[in-house]
Amino acid sequence: MTIKNLLIANRGEIAIRIARSAAESAIRSHALFSEDDALSDHVKKADEAHALTGVGPAAYLDAAQIVRAAREAGCDAIHPGYGFLSENAAFARACEEAGLCFVGPTPAVLEVFGDKGKARALAARCDVPVLPGTDRATSLEEALRFLKSLGRNAEVMVKAVAGGGGRGIRTVQNAAELEAAYERCRSEALQAFANGDLYVEQLFPNARHIEVQVIGDGSGEVTHLWERECSLQRNRQKLIEIAPAPGLCEALRDRLIDAALRMARAVKLRNLATFEFLVEQQGDDRARFAFIEANPRL
C-alpha cells in the first residue's frame, strides 16, 4: 500500500528520525505527545502533532488511544519505533483491525518474538542451542528454585518476558540478591512494556554478544545481512557495533547465520529481525553459542 499519512507512536530521538525519513519519502508525519511532552523536540519535527491523555510512558502504552488518534487524524499507517508497543502483537492486530498499516512484522511473528519464552521454545524446535532457563512467566519462588538447581556459585539473569533495550534485566550472583533484582525488573518491565512477567536464564560468563540481522518477505524466503559484534555495552545498552565481528572463526559465523535463518524461516518472517546470540570461542574447535532473543526491527 501507499502510505500518505504516518502516525509515529513514540517520542524523542526515534520519533524525530522517523519523521525525517517520512519527509524524505514525501509522507506526512503525525507526532503524539503526552501531557508532559508538549514541548519536546519530536513534537516540533512532525507535520502535525496530537495530544494524548496521560503523562509519561503510560500514555504511549495506551494502544486504544493511539489507534483512535490515528483514525481521527486520517492516518493510514502507524510506526511504533522501538520500545513501548513496537513488539506488542495485540497492538499490531488492533492496527490491522482498524484498517491501519502497522509498520513492522506481522502479529503472528510478534506473538513469538515479543515473548521471550516463546522465542526460546522456537529456538529449541529449530535445534538452536539455548541457555538453561525458564520458558514462561516465572514467579520469584520458581526463580529461586531454578537458581538453586544450578549448584554453588551459579549466576542467573532475570529478564522481562516482553523486554528489550536493556530494560527489565538484572544479573543475580546469589540467592540473597534475587528478590530485590526480581522486583526491580518487574517494576521496569511494567513501566516500559505494560507487562511485568519475568523469566530467568543461567548466566553465560565471558561471552561475546553477536547479532545476526535477517530479512524476509513473509513467504518463508529469508536472507541475512551478516553478523555484527555488540559486546561493548553499558547497562545492557550497546554502545558500539562492529561489522563484521572481529576474530570470529568462519565455522562459527556460518553456524550463527544458519541458526538465525532457520528461526526466521520457521515463522515466515516479514520485515527485519535481529537474532542475538552469546558466543564463547576458544579456538575453532572449541566454540559454543546460545540463542538469547530475537527482536523484530522496523
Protein backbone atom coordinates (compact mmCIF):
# COMPACT_ATOMS: atom_id res chain seq x y z
CA MET A 1 0.00 0.00 0.00
CA THR A 2 1.00 3.63 -0.44
CA ILE A 3 1.43 5.49 2.85
CA LYS A 4 0.48 9.15 2.80
CA ASN A 5 -0.09 9.96 6.48
CA LEU A 6 2.00 8.25 9.13
CA LEU A 7 1.34 8.35 12.87
CA ILE A 8 4.51 7.94 14.96
CA ALA A 9 3.61 6.08 18.15
CA ASN A 10 6.77 7.03 20.01
CA ARG A 11 8.69 10.02 21.28
CA GLY A 12 12.16 11.54 21.47
CA GLU A 13 15.05 10.74 19.18
CA ILE A 14 13.44 7.74 17.44
CA ALA A 15 10.32 9.77 16.61
CA ILE A 16 12.50 12.53 15.14
CA ARG A 17 14.33 10.01 12.95
CA ILE A 18 11.07 8.52 11.71
CA ALA A 19 9.66 11.97 10.92
CA ARG A 20 12.81 12.82 8.94
CA SER A 21 12.59 9.59 6.95
CA ALA A 22 8.91 10.21 6.28
CA ALA A 23 9.69 13.69 4.96
CA GLU A 24 12.34 12.26 2.63
CA SER A 25 9.68 9.91 1.24
CA ALA A 26 7.04 12.65 0.87
CA ILE A 27 4.95 11.13 3.68
CA ARG A 28 3.15 13.45 6.09
CA SER A 29 4.16 12.71 9.69
CA HIS A 30 1.95 12.93 12.78
CA ALA A 31 3.54 13.06 16.23
CA LEU A 32 1.97 12.08 19.53
CA PHE A 33 2.75 13.68 22.86
CA SER A 34 1.75 13.03 26.44
CA GLU A 35 0.67 15.88 28.71
CA ASP A 36 4.24 16.32 29.95
CA ASP A 37 5.84 16.08 26.48
CA ALA A 38 4.12 19.02 24.77
CA LEU A 39 7.39 20.96 24.41
CA SER A 40 9.54 18.01 23.32
CA ASP A 41 11.58 18.27 20.13
CA HIS A 42 9.81 15.40 18.39
CA VAL A 43 6.56 17.39 18.51
CA LYS A 44 8.18 20.21 16.53
CA LYS A 45 9.71 17.97 13.86
CA ALA A 46 6.47 16.38 12.65
CA ASP A 47 3.99 17.94 10.24
CA GLU A 48 1.20 17.60 12.80
CA ALA A 49 1.05 16.77 16.50
CA HIS A 50 -1.73 15.23 18.55
CA ALA A 51 -2.14 15.24 22.32
CA LEU A 52 -2.53 12.08 24.37
CA THR A 53 -4.33 11.91 27.68
CA GLY A 54 -1.92 10.92 30.43
CA VAL A 55 1.70 11.51 31.39
CA GLY A 56 4.96 9.63 30.96
CA PRO A 57 5.33 6.20 29.35
CA ALA A 58 1.78 5.16 30.27
CA ALA A 59 0.34 7.48 27.63
CA TYR A 60 2.46 5.88 24.91
CA LEU A 61 1.36 2.42 26.02
CA ASP A 62 -2.34 3.20 25.62
CA ALA A 63 -2.99 1.24 22.44
CA ALA A 64 -6.69 2.11 22.14
CA GLN A 65 -5.99 5.82 22.48
CA ILE A 66 -3.21 5.69 19.88
CA VAL A 67 -5.33 3.83 17.33
CA ARG A 68 -8.16 6.29 17.91
CA ALA A 69 -5.80 9.23 17.39
CA ALA A 70 -4.56 7.74 14.11
CA ARG A 71 -8.06 7.30 12.76
CA GLU A 72 -9.18 10.77 13.82
CA ALA A 73 -6.10 12.28 12.15
CA GLY A 74 -6.80 10.46 8.87
CA CYS A 75 -3.63 8.40 9.03
CA ASP A 76 -3.24 5.21 7.05
CA ALA A 77 -0.28 3.75 8.96
CA ILE A 78 1.31 3.65 12.40
CA HIS A 79 5.06 3.38 13.00
CA PRO A 80 5.79 2.22 16.58
CA GLY A 81 9.54 2.92 16.58
CA TYR A 82 11.17 0.77 19.24
CA GLY A 83 10.24 0.07 22.85
CA PHE A 84 6.71 0.85 24.03
CA LEU A 85 4.29 -1.06 21.73
CA SER A 86 6.75 -1.96 18.96
CA GLU A 87 6.78 -5.68 19.81
CA ASN A 88 3.20 -5.90 21.04
CA ALA A 89 1.25 -8.37 18.92
CA ALA A 90 -2.12 -7.17 20.27
CA PHE A 91 -1.32 -3.61 19.19
CA ALA A 92 -0.28 -4.74 15.71
CA ARG A 93 -3.52 -6.68 15.41
CA ALA A 94 -5.57 -3.70 16.65
CA CYS A 95 -3.98 -1.57 13.91
CA GLU A 96 -4.93 -4.10 11.25
CA GLU A 97 -8.49 -4.38 12.57
CA ALA A 98 -8.80 -0.58 12.39
CA GLY A 99 -7.68 -0.59 8.75
CA LEU A 100 -4.25 0.85 9.60
CA CYS A 101 -0.95 -0.47 8.32
CA PHE A 102 1.34 -1.49 11.18
CA VAL A 103 4.85 -0.64 10.01
CA GLY A 104 6.59 -3.75 11.25
CA PRO A 105 6.30 -7.54 11.44
CA THR A 106 3.01 -9.40 11.37
CA PRO A 107 1.12 -10.01 14.63
CA ALA A 108 1.91 -13.72 14.32
CA VAL A 109 5.66 -13.04 14.26
CA LEU A 110 5.37 -10.60 17.16
CA GLU A 111 3.50 -13.20 19.20
CA VAL A 112 6.60 -15.38 19.03
CA PHE A 113 9.43 -12.87 19.23
CA GLY A 114 7.62 -10.47 21.56
CA ASP A 115 7.50 -13.22 24.19
CA LYS A 116 11.00 -14.38 25.11
CA GLY A 117 9.70 -17.71 26.39
CA LYS A 118 8.02 -18.47 23.06
CA ALA A 119 11.17 -17.39 21.22
CA ARG A 120 13.24 -19.83 23.31
CA ALA A 121 10.75 -22.59 22.50
CA LEU A 122 11.01 -21.78 18.79
CA ALA A 123 14.81 -21.97 19.00
CA ALA A 124 14.58 -25.40 20.62
CA ARG A 125 12.23 -26.62 17.85
CA CYS A 126 14.74 -25.38 15.28
CA ASP A 127 17.62 -27.20 17.03
CA VAL A 128 19.25 -23.91 18.02
CA PRO A 129 21.04 -24.02 21.41
CA VAL A 130 19.51 -22.02 24.26
CA LEU A 131 20.78 -21.30 27.75
CA PRO A 132 19.32 -23.28 30.64
CA GLY A 133 16.36 -21.27 31.88
CA THR A 134 12.60 -21.00 32.21
CA ASP A 135 10.36 -20.75 29.16
CA ARG A 136 7.38 -18.87 30.62
CA ALA A 137 6.41 -16.23 33.15
CA THR A 138 8.30 -17.21 36.30
CA SER A 139 7.42 -16.43 39.91
CA LEU A 140 10.02 -15.37 42.45
CA GLU A 141 9.77 -18.78 44.13
CA GLU A 142 10.30 -20.56 40.80
CA ALA A 143 13.27 -18.33 40.00
CA LEU A 144 14.83 -19.16 43.37
CA ARG A 145 14.36 -22.90 42.78
CA PHE A 146 15.97 -22.59 39.37
CA LEU A 147 18.97 -20.71 40.78
CA LYS A 148 19.47 -23.31 43.50
CA SER A 149 19.20 -26.14 40.94
CA LEU A 150 22.30 -24.81 39.18
CA GLY A 151 24.52 -25.53 42.17
CA ARG A 152 27.04 -23.44 44.05
CA ASN A 153 28.47 -20.22 42.59
CA ALA A 154 25.95 -20.21 39.74
CA GLU A 155 24.64 -16.88 38.49
CA VAL A 156 21.47 -16.05 36.58
CA MET A 157 19.95 -13.27 34.54
CA VAL A 158 16.46 -12.08 35.44
CA LYS A 159 14.75 -10.80 32.29
CA ALA A 160 11.45 -9.31 31.21
CA VAL A 161 9.40 -11.67 29.04
CA ALA A 162 8.37 -8.72 26.87
CA GLY A 163 11.65 -6.89 27.35
CA GLY A 164 14.18 -5.22 25.16
CA GLY A 165 16.54 -2.28 25.05
CA GLY A 166 18.28 -3.27 28.28
CA ARG A 167 15.19 -2.69 30.43
CA GLY A 168 13.83 -5.20 32.89
CA ILE A 169 17.08 -7.17 33.15
CA ARG A 170 19.44 -7.79 36.07
CA THR A 171 22.36 -10.07 36.91
CA VAL A 172 21.93 -12.08 40.12
CA GLN A 173 25.05 -13.57 41.69
CA ASN A 174 23.44 -15.32 44.64
CA ALA A 175 20.10 -16.09 46.23
CA ALA A 176 20.31 -13.12 48.58
CA GLU A 177 20.20 -10.72 45.62
CA LEU A 178 17.33 -12.37 43.80
CA GLU A 179 14.28 -10.80 45.44
CA ALA A 180 15.46 -7.19 45.02
CA ALA A 181 16.53 -7.80 41.41
CA TYR A 182 13.24 -9.55 40.63
CA GLU A 183 11.13 -6.67 41.97
CA ARG A 184 13.25 -4.06 40.17
CA CYS A 185 12.95 -5.91 36.86
CA ARG A 186 9.22 -6.35 37.31
CA SER A 187 8.76 -2.63 38.02
CA GLU A 188 10.84 -1.61 35.00
CA ALA A 189 9.04 -4.05 32.72
CA LEU A 190 5.61 -2.81 33.82
CA GLN A 191 6.60 0.79 33.18
CA ALA A 192 8.31 0.19 29.84
CA PHE A 193 6.19 -2.60 28.33
CA ALA A 194 2.99 -2.75 30.40
CA ASN A 195 3.89 -6.37 31.16
CA GLY A 196 5.63 -7.35 34.38
CA ASP A 197 6.20 -11.03 33.56
CA LEU A 198 9.78 -12.25 34.05
CA TYR A 199 11.87 -15.31 33.31
CA VAL A 200 15.39 -16.42 34.27
CA GLU A 201 18.40 -17.81 32.42
CA GLN A 202 21.73 -19.13 33.60
CA LEU A 203 24.46 -16.54 33.15
CA PHE A 204 26.86 -17.33 30.30
CA PRO A 205 30.18 -15.90 31.64
CA ASN A 206 32.93 -14.45 29.46
CA ALA A 207 30.73 -14.49 26.40
CA ARG A 208 30.61 -12.18 23.40
CA HIS A 209 27.33 -10.69 22.19
CA ILE A 210 26.92 -11.37 18.46
CA GLU A 211 23.86 -10.43 16.41
CA VAL A 212 22.70 -11.58 13.00
CA GLN A 213 20.19 -9.50 11.07
CA VAL A 214 17.75 -11.30 8.82
CA ILE A 215 15.25 -10.00 6.27
CA GLY A 216 12.21 -11.86 4.95
CA ASP A 217 9.32 -11.25 2.59
CA GLY A 218 6.67 -13.17 4.54
CA SER A 219 6.67 -16.19 2.23
CA GLY A 220 9.33 -18.12 4.09
CA GLU A 221 12.10 -16.87 1.86
CA VAL A 222 14.77 -15.20 4.00
CA THR A 223 18.29 -13.92 3.67
CA HIS A 224 20.82 -12.40 6.03
CA LEU A 225 22.77 -9.17 6.31
CA TRP A 226 25.71 -10.86 8.07
CA GLU A 227 26.69 -10.50 11.70
CA ARG A 228 27.94 -7.77 14.00
CA GLU A 229 29.79 -7.59 17.29
CA CYS A 230 27.72 -5.93 20.04
CA SER A 231 29.73 -6.84 23.14
CA LEU A 232 30.70 -3.31 24.12
CA GLN A 233 27.75 -2.31 26.32
CA ARG A 234 26.87 -0.14 29.28
CA ASN A 235 23.94 -1.12 31.49
CA ARG A 236 22.88 -3.70 28.86
CA GLN A 237 22.76 -0.99 26.18
CA LYS A 238 25.01 -1.39 23.15
CA LEU A 239 27.49 1.43 22.66
CA ILE A 240 29.35 0.30 19.54
CA GLU A 241 28.52 -2.28 16.87
CA ILE A 242 31.29 -3.69 14.69
CA ALA A 243 30.59 -5.46 11.40
CA PRO A 244 31.82 -7.99 10.61
CA ALA A 245 32.51 -9.32 14.11
CA PRO A 246 36.30 -9.33 14.52
CA GLY A 247 38.10 -12.59 15.20
CA LEU A 248 35.03 -14.77 14.67
CA CYS A 249 36.04 -18.05 13.07
CA GLU A 250 34.37 -18.87 9.77
CA ALA A 251 32.80 -22.10 11.00
CA LEU A 252 31.16 -20.39 13.98
CA ARG A 253 29.97 -17.50 11.80
CA ASP A 254 28.28 -20.00 9.48
CA ARG A 255 26.59 -21.75 12.40
CA LEU A 256 25.22 -18.46 13.81
CA ILE A 257 23.86 -17.33 10.46
CA ASP A 258 22.32 -20.72 9.77
CA ALA A 259 20.61 -20.71 13.19
CA ALA A 260 19.13 -17.25 12.58
CA LEU A 261 17.90 -18.21 9.10
CA ARG A 262 16.24 -21.39 10.35
CA MET A 263 14.30 -19.50 13.01
CA ALA A 264 13.29 -16.72 10.60
CA ARG A 265 12.16 -19.26 8.02
CA ALA A 266 10.09 -21.12 10.61
CA VAL A 267 7.91 -18.04 11.31
CA LYS A 268 7.86 -16.79 7.70
CA LEU A 269 9.47 -13.54 8.76
CA ARG A 270 8.23 -10.37 7.11
CA ASN A 271 10.45 -7.32 7.58
CA LEU A 272 13.68 -7.37 9.57
CA ALA A 273 14.64 -9.16 12.77
CA THR A 274 17.82 -9.21 14.80
CA PHE A 275 18.78 -12.59 16.25
CA GLU A 276 21.01 -12.26 19.31
CA PHE A 277 23.48 -14.88 20.48
CA LEU A 278 26.01 -15.29 23.25
CA VAL A 279 29.25 -16.75 21.92
CA GLU A 280 32.21 -18.30 23.70
CA GLN A 281 35.08 -19.03 21.32
CA GLN A 282 38.26 -20.79 22.44
CA GLY A 283 39.77 -21.83 19.15
CA ASP A 284 37.95 -23.06 16.07
CA ASP A 285 37.28 -26.49 17.51
CA ARG A 286 36.14 -25.28 20.94
CA ALA A 287 33.37 -22.78 20.38
CA ARG A 288 29.82 -22.69 21.66
CA PHE A 289 26.91 -20.34 21.31
CA ALA A 290 23.39 -19.93 22.62
CA PHE A 291 20.38 -18.01 21.35
CA ILE A 292 19.26 -15.16 23.62
CA GLU A 293 16.35 -13.50 21.87
CA ALA A 294 15.09 -12.18 18.55
CA ASN A 295 13.92 -8.61 18.11
CA PRO A 296 11.85 -7.55 15.13
CA ARG A 297 13.34 -4.43 13.58
CA LEU A 298 11.41 -1.91 11.59
